[in-house]
Amino acid sequence: SVSLAEGHYLFLKTHIPPSMDDSIKTTDMTELIKCADHQRFILGWGSEGGGTLFGAQQWHILTEENGQTKYEVVAVMKGLVAHAVKRLLRSLSRDLEGSIQEMATSLKRVCEQ
């Protein structure tokens, strides 16, 4: 296994809408890790470049709250076409936030096994 570190790349396969069905075609993405804070349990990745036309970042944060682990995701899109991309993703997935919530639920299920 390779440690997650700033400057490394993530190679992601995603289903939108969310699914664990391997027969459904995935979207492949390569993302640059921009922050890997192992002490504070924060991982951030996103697109390279200035993002004038389009750029996106995701931040995944683990904190402890009332004796339980809290998992948060912050997704940020920027650039001239960001609103159009968000509308397109929403129409394709019917619920972009639902996709992110399902990912968190699946991650929790895997971690608790």
Protein backbone atom coordinates (compact mmCIF):
# COMPACT_ATOMS: atom_id res chain seq x y z
CA SER A 1 0.00 0.00 0.00
CA VAL A 2 1.14 3.53 -0.75
CA SER A 3 0.80 6.35 1.77
CA LEU A 4 -1.48 9.20 0.75
CA ALA A 5 0.64 12.32 0.41
CA GLU A 6 0.41 15.76 -1.11
CA GLY A 7 1.49 15.74 -4.75
CA HIS A 8 0.50 12.09 -5.29
CA TYR A 9 -2.43 11.09 -7.48
CA LEU A 10 -5.63 9.20 -6.77
CA PHE A 11 -7.06 7.01 -9.52
CA LEU A 12 -10.80 6.79 -8.86
CA LYS A 13 -13.57 4.75 -10.45
CA THR A 14 -17.03 6.12 -9.71
CA HIS A 15 -20.65 5.28 -10.41
CA ILE A 16 -23.09 8.15 -10.85
CA PRO A 17 -25.76 7.42 -9.70
CA PRO A 18 -24.17 5.39 -6.88
CA SER A 19 -24.11 1.64 -7.32
CA MET A 20 -22.04 -1.33 -6.22
CA ASP A 21 -22.94 -3.17 -9.46
CA ASP A 22 -19.68 -3.91 -11.29
CA SER A 23 -21.55 -4.46 -14.56
CA ILE A 24 -22.34 -0.72 -14.73
CA LYS A 25 -19.75 1.38 -16.56
CA THR A 26 -17.63 3.54 -14.27
CA THR A 27 -16.20 6.99 -14.81
CA ASP A 28 -12.42 7.04 -14.31
CA MET A 29 -10.86 10.11 -12.73
CA THR A 30 -7.32 11.11 -11.83
CA GLU A 31 -7.14 13.59 -8.96
CA LEU A 32 -4.18 15.38 -7.42
CA ILE A 33 -3.90 15.09 -3.62
CA LYS A 34 -3.63 18.66 -2.34
CA CYS A 35 -3.75 18.01 1.40
CA ALA A 36 -3.02 14.87 3.42
CA ASP A 37 -3.03 15.77 7.11
CA HIS A 38 -2.66 12.45 8.92
CA GLN A 39 -2.67 14.11 12.35
CA ARG A 40 -6.02 15.89 11.86
CA PHE A 41 -7.50 13.22 9.53
CA ILE A 42 -8.07 15.51 6.54
CA LEU A 43 -7.67 14.51 2.91
CA GLY A 44 -8.24 16.93 0.05
CA TRP A 45 -7.94 16.33 -3.67
CA GLY A 46 -8.90 18.09 -6.84
CA SER A 47 -8.16 19.09 -10.36
CA GLU A 48 -4.86 20.60 -11.38
CA GLY A 49 -4.41 24.09 -12.76
CA GLY A 50 -5.98 27.44 -12.00
CA GLY A 51 -9.55 26.42 -12.73
CA THR A 52 -10.45 29.44 -14.85
CA LEU A 53 -12.80 27.35 -16.98
CA PHE A 54 -13.51 24.63 -14.41
CA GLY A 55 -11.93 23.26 -11.26
CA ALA A 56 -13.16 21.00 -8.48
CA GLN A 57 -11.92 19.96 -5.05
CA GLN A 58 -13.18 17.53 -2.43
CA TRP A 59 -12.24 17.59 1.24
CA HIS A 60 -12.82 14.54 3.45
CA ILE A 61 -12.60 15.17 7.19
CA LEU A 62 -12.85 12.83 10.18
CA THR A 63 -13.49 14.28 13.64
CA GLU A 64 -14.63 12.86 16.95
CA GLU A 65 -17.96 14.09 18.26
CA ASN A 66 -19.67 12.69 21.38
CA GLY A 67 -17.54 9.55 21.31
CA GLN A 68 -18.37 8.81 17.66
CA THR A 69 -16.51 9.46 14.44
CA LYS A 70 -18.01 12.18 12.27
CA TYR A 71 -17.27 12.03 8.51
CA GLU A 72 -17.70 15.21 6.49
CA VAL A 73 -17.29 15.87 2.77
CA VAL A 74 -16.98 19.34 1.31
CA ALA A 75 -17.12 19.58 -2.49
CA VAL A 76 -16.21 22.84 -4.21
CA MET A 77 -16.57 23.64 -7.90
CA LYS A 78 -15.23 26.83 -9.44
CA GLY A 79 -14.72 28.45 -12.82
CA LEU A 80 -16.77 29.85 -15.67
CA VAL A 81 -18.69 26.63 -16.33
CA ALA A 82 -19.01 25.36 -12.73
CA HIS A 83 -22.75 26.08 -12.45
CA ALA A 84 -23.44 24.34 -15.77
CA VAL A 85 -21.42 21.29 -14.70
CA LYS A 86 -23.24 21.12 -11.36
CA ARG A 87 -26.64 21.29 -13.13
CA LEU A 88 -25.53 18.58 -15.57
CA LEU A 89 -24.31 16.30 -12.77
CA ARG A 90 -27.52 16.88 -10.86
CA SER A 91 -29.64 15.97 -13.88
CA LEU A 92 -27.52 12.88 -14.61
CA SER A 93 -27.49 11.60 -11.06
CA ARG A 94 -30.90 12.99 -10.03
CA ASP A 95 -29.31 13.78 -6.69
CA LEU A 96 -25.63 14.73 -6.45
CA GLU A 97 -25.81 15.16 -2.68
CA GLY A 98 -27.46 11.73 -2.44
CA SER A 99 -24.50 10.23 -4.29
CA ILE A 100 -22.08 11.77 -1.80
CA GLN A 101 -24.22 10.58 1.13
CA GLU A 102 -24.32 7.03 -0.28
CA MET A 103 -20.52 7.07 -0.58
CA ALA A 104 -20.23 8.07 3.09
CA THR A 105 -22.71 5.37 4.13
CA SER A 106 -20.82 2.73 2.13
CA LEU A 107 -17.49 3.86 3.61
CA LYS A 108 -18.92 3.60 7.13
CA ARG A 109 -20.29 0.10 6.41
CA VAL A 110 -16.89 -1.09 5.10
CA CYS A 111 -14.98 0.46 8.04
CA GLU A 112 -17.25 -1.17 10.62
CA GLN A 113 -16.86 -4.69 9.20
